[in-house]
Structures are given as C-alpha cells and as structure tokens.
C-alpha cells in the first residue's frame, strides 16, 4: 500500500504560538512513518509560511525558524494544485498532499479561517470545519447555541469597547445579573489568554480592558464554584466520549501558566466523581459536540456543582503538549500516540 502524504502545520500569528509548537512536537512524534510521508510547515508570528526540513526536536523549543531549514511555501486555494507550492530559487515545485493536520491554536488557526482555505483547496484536514470552528471560538455564539440546545452553561453577557463609555451603568447591570466575582474573557481567544477574575468594579474595568487587547468583544460570566472536569470527544458522526479528567488548580483558576508552563495544577484521571455524574457529563459533552456541529475532536470542559453540571467551554483544537488533558484522556482509554494521531488523520480522510 502506498503511503499518504500529510502536512503538519504549526506556529501561527496567534497568542498561542508557543503552545502550538509544543503540541506539534507531540503530533509529529505520533505519525506512523510507514503509513505517512511527513511534511512540516511552520507559520511565524508574523504570518509567514515556511517548509521546515530541520530536526523535529527544534520545533518545541522555538528554534525551527533558521535559514538553513526553511523555504517559503504557500498553500493555494486552487483545488487543481492539491498541495503546497514551495518557492525555491530555481522556481516553484509542488508537494502533493492527501491530508493536513493543523496544529494551530487560537486566532487564524482554530477559528475557521484556515479551515476555509483547506476547504477551498479541497484538502481533507483534521478537526472541525469552518462553521463549527468559528462558533466554538466565539464564546458568545457558543453560549447562544448552548442556551438554545438546552445545555446548561454559565449566565453571561457580551461587552464591546464602546460599552465602556457608559461603564457605571454597565457595571451596575452586570453586578445585578451576574454578581461578583465574575470572569472576564476575550470572546475569541483560547488557553485562558487574557482571562481575569473580577471581585469589584475596579477589577472589572481592568479585566475588560485586558480582554479588549486580545479581541474586539469580551464575555463576562458568572463565577461558578465547582469542580473542573474535562471530557475528550473523538469521532465524526457517532463520536465517542472519553473517561473524564479532573483539574485541581493550586492557583485561583486554571490559567495559561497552569495549563502549559508550571506544575501548579493537580490532574486526576479518572475524575473523582460518582459514576452516574460522569455518565451525564459524557452525555452532555456529546450533545454539545453535535449541537455545535463539531467533527473529529473536541475537549469539552465542565464545572460540577452540588446543584448540577455546567458546561464551561468547547475547545475544537485542544492542546497536544506533554501535559495536555486531551491526549492524556484518550491515552487513558487505551490509545497510544500513534493510535490517536493516526485515528484523527483517518477521521479527516473519512470526511
């Protein structure tokens, strides 16, 4: 059987560039070289695309972008090309592709933008399509659809920069409806980038200003005092939910540093919750996956309270670093890295 050609795309003009490099290192290590010919494509923080031919272990450390290892490359939306165009000094050559694994977190990589390019090029790719990616990236739209689908989620409000012109009135309304403390998040960002917890009026204003540095819309949510539990979903139609994982932050909340840069979090797999509660969480994760139109994979995060279960967010391209919950949950269910990465590529080809 002939090998298929896969491109792993990493980096990106996103605040989650560094996380992408570490995730890509895991994904690349999980590609079966007897089944796939690997092409590595790095996107710089400035948005430049390069074919990368250097050592794989330089990617995670950020040392990949060296002149000796990179050549400019583009992915044309023209479906007759069906691959990458490498811009070499002697001319242009094509690398044919069968499937793409975009290991791109955050803006431009997880929000439907690059998925649209893949669809125009008619190239199969891992993960959600344009619509589901855009929906899940925008927390306001996610909340709206979850509300419509009857899936329990936090009370929330969306805020725009011009709303700060009448901040006193805004603050009074938010305090009345959501109460302190409340969480402020950029509407379109991931990995807890730009997220703050506000305990008073001053912190609310500062949190909104920070969120607006990352996006033109902010989401303010009620504080949910509950245990943080995550579920990995794998599949297309008829997707399956994983065993659950529980996050116990030693910090005030599970922020970017806790996810990727330090050991300030304890993880428990399986989560320390009753079986009947776990079953319901898995049902809600799959219901959200379907309601939002997801495909391939997603990580669905919940809060477990005495009063019930609250869905926190849906991440369509969760981290694949060595400490990330998605691969940990799938591997706890018996998958190897080869099984997981190979399975996601097969799901992409099935679409």
Protein backbone atom coordinates (compact mmCIF):
# COMPACT_ATOMS: atom_id res chain seq x y z
CA UNK A 1 0.00 0.00 0.00
CA UNK A 2 1.40 3.39 -0.97
CA UNK A 3 1.96 6.00 1.70
CA UNK A 4 -0.29 9.01 2.09
CA UNK A 5 1.18 12.47 2.33
CA UNK A 6 0.40 14.51 5.47
CA UNK A 7 1.33 18.08 6.28
CA UNK A 8 1.56 19.14 9.92
CA UNK A 9 1.17 22.91 10.18
CA UNK A 10 2.34 24.63 13.38
CA UNK A 11 3.03 28.05 14.86
CA UNK A 12 0.77 30.83 13.61
CA UNK A 13 0.10 34.52 14.10
CA UNK A 14 -1.62 33.89 17.42
CA UNK A 15 -1.06 34.48 21.12
CA UNK A 16 -0.87 30.68 21.40
CA UNK A 17 2.12 30.31 19.07
CA UNK A 18 4.36 28.70 21.71
CA UNK A 19 1.70 26.18 22.73
CA UNK A 20 1.29 25.22 19.08
CA UNK A 21 4.98 24.39 18.79
CA UNK A 22 4.80 22.02 21.75
CA UNK A 23 1.58 20.45 20.51
CA UNK A 24 3.09 19.94 17.05
CA UNK A 25 6.05 18.11 18.56
CA UNK A 26 3.66 15.56 20.12
CA UNK A 27 1.61 15.17 16.93
CA UNK A 28 4.71 14.73 14.74
CA UNK A 29 6.06 12.06 17.11
CA UNK A 30 2.76 10.20 16.76
CA UNK A 31 2.73 9.97 12.96
CA UNK A 32 3.35 6.47 11.66
CA UNK A 33 6.09 6.94 9.06
CA UNK A 34 5.29 3.59 7.49
CA UNK A 35 1.83 4.93 6.55
CA UNK A 36 2.51 8.62 6.01
CA UNK A 37 5.11 10.81 4.32
CA UNK A 38 5.50 13.82 6.61
CA UNK A 39 5.81 17.43 5.50
CA UNK A 40 6.32 20.06 8.22
CA UNK A 41 5.10 23.62 7.70
CA UNK A 42 5.80 26.39 10.19
CA UNK A 43 3.98 29.72 10.32
CA UNK A 44 5.81 32.56 12.06
CA UNK A 45 4.22 35.02 14.48
CA UNK A 46 4.20 37.46 11.56
CA UNK A 47 2.22 35.03 9.42
CA UNK A 48 4.99 33.85 7.07
CA UNK A 49 4.69 30.24 5.86
CA UNK A 50 7.79 28.06 5.58
CA UNK A 51 8.53 24.49 4.63
CA UNK A 52 10.61 23.17 7.54
CA UNK A 53 13.18 20.43 6.88
CA UNK A 54 15.25 20.59 10.07
CA UNK A 55 15.36 18.36 13.16
CA UNK A 56 11.99 17.67 14.70
CA UNK A 57 13.26 18.37 18.20
CA UNK A 58 13.88 22.04 17.35
CA UNK A 59 10.19 22.75 16.90
CA UNK A 60 9.06 22.63 20.53
CA UNK A 61 11.92 24.88 21.66
CA UNK A 62 11.10 27.50 19.02
CA UNK A 63 14.40 27.04 17.21
CA UNK A 64 12.86 25.81 13.96
CA UNK A 65 12.91 29.10 12.06
CA UNK A 66 16.53 29.10 10.87
CA UNK A 67 17.52 29.98 7.28
CA UNK A 68 19.21 26.63 6.76
CA UNK A 69 15.99 24.75 7.50
CA UNK A 70 13.22 26.85 5.95
CA UNK A 71 11.97 27.65 2.46
CA UNK A 72 8.98 29.90 1.70
CA UNK A 73 5.85 27.94 0.90
CA UNK A 74 2.21 28.70 0.16
CA UNK A 75 -0.98 26.67 0.25
CA UNK A 76 -3.01 27.82 -2.78
CA UNK A 77 -6.79 27.65 -2.53
CA UNK A 78 -6.76 26.44 -6.15
CA UNK A 79 -8.00 22.81 -5.89
CA UNK A 80 -6.16 21.75 -9.05
CA UNK A 81 -2.83 22.19 -7.23
CA UNK A 82 -3.84 19.84 -4.40
CA UNK A 83 -0.77 20.60 -2.34
CA UNK A 84 1.90 23.05 -1.26
CA UNK A 85 3.87 25.30 -3.59
CA UNK A 86 7.50 25.59 -2.47
CA UNK A 87 9.08 28.86 -3.61
CA UNK A 88 12.67 27.86 -4.34
CA UNK A 89 15.33 29.97 -6.03
CA UNK A 90 15.19 27.82 -9.15
CA UNK A 91 11.43 28.02 -9.41
CA UNK A 92 8.31 26.55 -7.86
CA UNK A 93 7.77 22.89 -7.04
CA UNK A 94 4.67 21.20 -5.68
CA UNK A 95 4.39 18.87 -2.68
CA UNK A 96 1.18 16.86 -3.21
CA UNK A 97 -0.90 16.38 -0.06
CA UNK A 98 -3.56 13.89 0.95
CA UNK A 99 -4.43 15.31 4.37
CA UNK A 100 -3.49 18.18 6.70
CA UNK A 101 -3.15 18.22 10.49
CA UNK A 102 -3.36 21.89 11.50
CA UNK A 103 -1.81 22.08 14.97
CA UNK A 104 -2.77 25.74 15.24
CA UNK A 105 -4.37 27.09 18.40
CA UNK A 106 -6.28 30.34 18.70
CA UNK A 107 -6.91 33.00 16.08
CA UNK A 108 -6.38 32.18 12.41
CA UNK A 109 -5.83 28.50 13.18
CA UNK A 110 -8.80 27.41 15.25
CA UNK A 111 -11.48 29.91 14.28
CA UNK A 112 -12.45 28.70 10.82
CA UNK A 113 -10.07 31.00 8.96
CA UNK A 114 -7.53 28.44 7.81
CA UNK A 115 -10.18 25.73 7.60
CA UNK A 116 -11.77 27.81 4.83
CA UNK A 117 -8.51 27.72 2.87
CA UNK A 118 -8.34 23.94 3.27
CA UNK A 119 -11.91 23.57 2.05
CA UNK A 120 -11.29 25.80 -0.97
CA UNK A 121 -8.22 23.69 -1.79
CA UNK A 122 -10.37 20.54 -1.30
CA UNK A 123 -7.82 19.06 1.06
CA UNK A 124 -9.02 16.86 3.94
CA UNK A 125 -7.98 18.16 7.35
CA UNK A 126 -8.14 17.12 10.98
CA UNK A 127 -10.79 18.73 13.13
CA UNK A 128 -13.89 20.85 12.82
CA UNK A 129 -14.97 22.66 9.68
CA UNK A 130 -15.36 26.39 9.14
CA UNK A 131 -18.70 26.87 10.87
CA UNK A 132 -18.10 24.76 13.99
CA UNK A 133 -14.61 26.22 14.40
CA UNK A 134 -15.95 29.78 14.22
CA UNK A 135 -18.87 29.03 16.53
CA UNK A 136 -16.73 27.42 19.22
CA UNK A 137 -14.07 30.12 19.01
CA UNK A 138 -16.59 32.87 19.71
CA UNK A 139 -17.75 32.32 23.27
CA UNK A 140 -20.85 34.49 22.81
CA UNK A 141 -22.05 32.40 19.87
CA UNK A 142 -21.20 29.19 21.77
CA UNK A 143 -23.30 30.35 24.72
CA UNK A 144 -26.17 31.29 22.44
CA UNK A 145 -26.31 27.87 20.78
CA UNK A 146 -25.88 26.00 24.07
CA UNK A 147 -28.75 28.05 25.52
CA UNK A 148 -30.91 27.18 22.51
CA UNK A 149 -29.99 23.49 22.77
CA UNK A 150 -30.91 23.40 26.45
CA UNK A 151 -27.38 22.53 27.57
CA UNK A 152 -26.65 24.13 30.97
CA UNK A 153 -23.94 26.81 30.85
CA UNK A 154 -22.98 29.87 32.88
CA UNK A 155 -25.01 33.08 32.88
CA UNK A 156 -23.18 35.54 30.65
CA UNK A 157 -23.12 38.88 28.89
CA UNK A 158 -21.16 40.19 25.91
CA UNK A 159 -19.41 43.57 26.16
CA UNK A 160 -17.90 45.77 23.45
CA UNK A 161 -15.27 48.51 23.77
CA UNK A 162 -17.84 51.28 23.26
CA UNK A 163 -19.81 49.96 26.23
CA UNK A 164 -17.05 51.36 28.45
CA UNK A 165 -18.30 54.88 27.58
CA UNK A 166 -21.16 54.16 29.99
CA UNK A 167 -19.20 51.91 32.33
CA UNK A 168 -21.07 52.88 35.52
CA UNK A 169 -24.38 51.74 34.04
CA UNK A 170 -22.76 48.61 32.58
CA UNK A 171 -21.18 47.69 35.90
CA UNK A 172 -24.46 48.10 37.75
CA UNK A 173 -26.24 45.83 35.27
CA UNK A 174 -23.53 43.15 35.39
CA UNK A 175 -23.35 43.25 39.18
CA UNK A 176 -27.14 42.83 39.38
CA UNK A 177 -27.37 39.97 36.87
CA UNK A 178 -24.09 38.08 37.37
CA UNK A 179 -22.82 39.21 40.76
CA UNK A 180 -19.24 39.34 41.98
CA UNK A 181 -16.88 37.66 41.49
CA UNK A 182 -17.18 37.33 37.72
CA UNK A 183 -14.87 36.15 34.96
CA UNK A 184 -13.89 38.33 32.01
CA UNK A 185 -12.66 36.66 28.82
CA UNK A 186 -11.85 37.75 25.29
CA UNK A 187 -14.69 36.37 23.17
CA UNK A 188 -12.22 34.91 20.65
CA UNK A 189 -9.13 33.51 22.34
CA UNK A 190 -8.11 30.25 23.95
CA UNK A 191 -5.78 28.75 26.54
CA UNK A 192 -7.09 31.25 29.13
CA UNK A 193 -5.22 34.09 27.40
CA UNK A 194 -6.48 37.45 28.64
CA UNK A 195 -8.82 35.93 31.25
CA UNK A 196 -9.24 37.60 34.63
CA UNK A 197 -11.40 37.20 37.72
CA UNK A 198 -13.01 40.44 38.90
CA UNK A 199 -14.03 40.86 42.53
CA UNK A 200 -15.06 44.51 42.34
CA UNK A 201 -15.80 47.41 39.99
CA UNK A 202 -12.16 48.41 39.54
CA UNK A 203 -11.07 44.87 38.67
CA UNK A 204 -13.97 44.56 36.23
CA UNK A 205 -12.82 47.63 34.29
CA UNK A 206 -9.21 46.44 34.24
CA UNK A 207 -10.29 42.96 33.15
CA UNK A 208 -12.38 44.31 30.29
CA UNK A 209 -9.51 46.49 29.09
CA UNK A 210 -7.20 43.46 29.13
CA UNK A 211 -9.73 41.34 27.23
CA UNK A 212 -10.04 44.04 24.57
CA UNK A 213 -6.30 43.81 23.97
CA UNK A 214 -6.93 40.31 22.62
CA UNK A 215 -10.30 40.71 20.90
CA UNK A 216 -12.90 43.30 19.95
CA UNK A 217 -15.53 41.62 22.10
CA UNK A 218 -15.45 40.41 25.69
CA UNK A 219 -17.56 37.90 27.56
CA UNK A 220 -18.41 38.33 31.23
CA UNK A 221 -19.59 35.20 33.02
CA UNK A 222 -20.92 34.43 36.46
CA UNK A 223 -18.47 32.74 38.80
CA UNK A 224 -19.15 29.02 39.06
CA UNK A 225 -17.89 27.41 42.23
CA UNK A 226 -17.45 23.81 41.20
CA UNK A 227 -15.01 21.05 40.39
CA UNK A 228 -13.38 21.39 36.96
CA UNK A 229 -13.85 18.30 34.82
CA UNK A 230 -12.90 17.77 31.18
CA UNK A 231 -14.05 15.28 28.56
CA UNK A 232 -12.32 14.43 25.28
CA UNK A 233 -14.55 13.68 22.30
CA UNK A 234 -13.25 11.68 19.33
CA UNK A 235 -15.05 10.89 16.11
CA UNK A 236 -17.30 12.25 13.37
CA UNK A 237 -20.90 11.04 13.29
CA UNK A 238 -21.31 8.74 16.28
CA UNK A 239 -18.39 10.27 18.19
CA UNK A 240 -17.29 8.77 21.50
CA UNK A 241 -16.63 10.47 24.84
CA UNK A 242 -13.52 9.65 26.86
CA UNK A 243 -13.02 8.90 30.51
CA UNK A 244 -13.16 12.19 32.42
CA UNK A 245 -10.28 14.15 33.90
CA UNK A 246 -10.41 16.46 36.89
CA UNK A 247 -8.35 19.63 37.25
CA UNK A 248 -7.50 20.98 40.69
CA UNK A 249 -5.68 24.32 40.28
CA UNK A 250 -3.43 25.35 43.11
CA UNK A 251 -3.80 28.89 41.79
CA UNK A 252 -7.05 30.83 41.85
CA UNK A 253 -8.06 29.45 38.46
CA UNK A 254 -6.71 27.28 35.65
CA UNK A 255 -4.84 29.99 33.71
CA UNK A 256 -2.39 29.86 30.78
CA UNK A 257 0.64 29.26 33.01
CA UNK A 258 -1.11 26.49 34.91
CA UNK A 259 -2.03 24.78 31.62
CA UNK A 260 1.36 24.95 29.97
CA UNK A 261 4.18 26.45 31.99
CA UNK A 262 4.28 25.22 35.58
CA UNK A 263 3.15 22.48 37.95
CA UNK A 264 0.51 24.50 39.79
CA UNK A 265 -2.26 22.06 38.89
CA UNK A 266 -3.13 18.54 40.01
CA UNK A 267 -4.79 16.26 37.44
CA UNK A 268 -6.90 13.24 38.30
CA UNK A 269 -7.81 10.64 35.66
CA UNK A 270 -10.46 9.38 36.09
CA UNK A 271 -12.20 12.33 37.73
CA UNK A 272 -13.19 11.82 41.34
CA UNK A 273 -16.94 11.97 40.78
CA UNK A 274 -19.76 9.41 41.01
CA UNK A 275 -20.30 7.13 38.02
CA UNK A 276 -23.80 8.48 37.35
CA UNK A 277 -22.44 12.05 37.29
CA UNK A 278 -19.65 11.03 34.93
CA UNK A 279 -22.19 9.37 32.61
CA UNK A 280 -24.24 12.57 32.47
CA UNK A 281 -21.16 14.69 31.77
CA UNK A 282 -20.27 12.41 28.85
CA UNK A 283 -23.84 12.67 27.51
CA UNK A 284 -23.72 16.47 27.70
CA UNK A 285 -20.29 16.56 26.03
CA UNK A 286 -21.62 14.56 23.08
CA UNK A 287 -24.80 16.65 22.94
CA UNK A 288 -22.72 19.84 22.77
CA UNK A 289 -20.40 18.30 20.16
CA UNK A 290 -23.44 17.58 17.96
CA UNK A 291 -25.26 20.87 18.63
CA UNK A 292 -22.20 22.89 17.69
CA UNK A 293 -21.52 20.82 14.55
CA UNK A 294 -18.12 19.54 15.66
CA UNK A 295 -16.12 16.86 13.81
CA UNK A 296 -13.01 14.88 14.57
CA UNK A 297 -12.18 16.06 18.04
CA UNK A 298 -13.01 18.49 20.81
CA UNK A 299 -12.34 18.90 24.50
CA UNK A 300 -15.46 19.84 26.45
CA UNK A 301 -14.95 21.44 29.86
CA UNK A 302 -17.44 21.39 32.74
CA UNK A 303 -17.97 22.55 36.31
CA UNK A 304 -19.56 20.04 38.67
CA UNK A 305 -21.62 21.59 41.47
CA UNK A 306 -23.89 20.13 44.10
CA UNK A 307 -26.75 21.79 42.20
CA UNK A 308 -25.83 20.30 38.84
CA UNK A 309 -23.46 20.32 35.87
CA UNK A 310 -22.44 23.46 33.96
CA UNK A 311 -20.67 23.36 30.59
CA UNK A 312 -17.78 25.84 30.61
CA UNK A 313 -16.39 25.78 27.07
CA UNK A 314 -15.71 23.68 23.99
CA UNK A 315 -12.20 23.65 22.51
CA UNK A 316 -12.03 22.41 18.91
CA UNK A 317 -8.25 22.12 18.77
CA UNK A 318 -7.14 21.39 22.33
CA UNK A 319 -3.52 21.33 23.38
CA UNK A 320 -1.41 18.32 22.48
CA UNK A 321 1.52 19.10 24.75
CA UNK A 322 3.03 16.57 27.12
CA UNK A 323 0.78 17.79 29.95
CA UNK A 324 -2.37 18.47 27.92
CA UNK A 325 -5.60 16.85 29.02
CA UNK A 326 -6.93 15.77 25.60
CA UNK A 327 -4.17 13.28 24.76
CA UNK A 328 -3.97 12.20 28.40
CA UNK A 329 -7.68 11.33 28.42
CA UNK A 330 -7.54 9.48 25.11
CA UNK A 331 -4.45 7.55 26.15
CA UNK A 332 -6.08 6.70 29.49
CA UNK A 333 -8.75 4.99 27.40
CA UNK A 334 -6.13 2.73 25.84
CA UNK A 335 -4.95 4.72 22.82
CA UNK A 336 -1.26 5.18 22.06
CA UNK A 337 0.06 8.37 20.50
CA UNK A 338 0.15 6.51 17.17
CA UNK A 339 -3.48 5.39 17.64
CA UNK A 340 -4.62 8.90 18.47
CA UNK A 341 -2.82 10.81 15.73
CA UNK A 342 -3.45 8.10 13.15
CA UNK A 343 -7.10 7.91 14.16
CA UNK A 344 -7.57 11.66 13.76
CA UNK A 345 -5.98 11.53 10.31
CA UNK A 346 -8.31 8.67 9.33
CA UNK A 347 -11.32 10.64 10.56
CA UNK A 348 -10.19 13.56 8.39
CA UNK A 349 -9.89 11.33 5.34
CA UNK A 350 -13.33 9.82 6.01
CA UNK A 351 -14.95 13.27 5.84
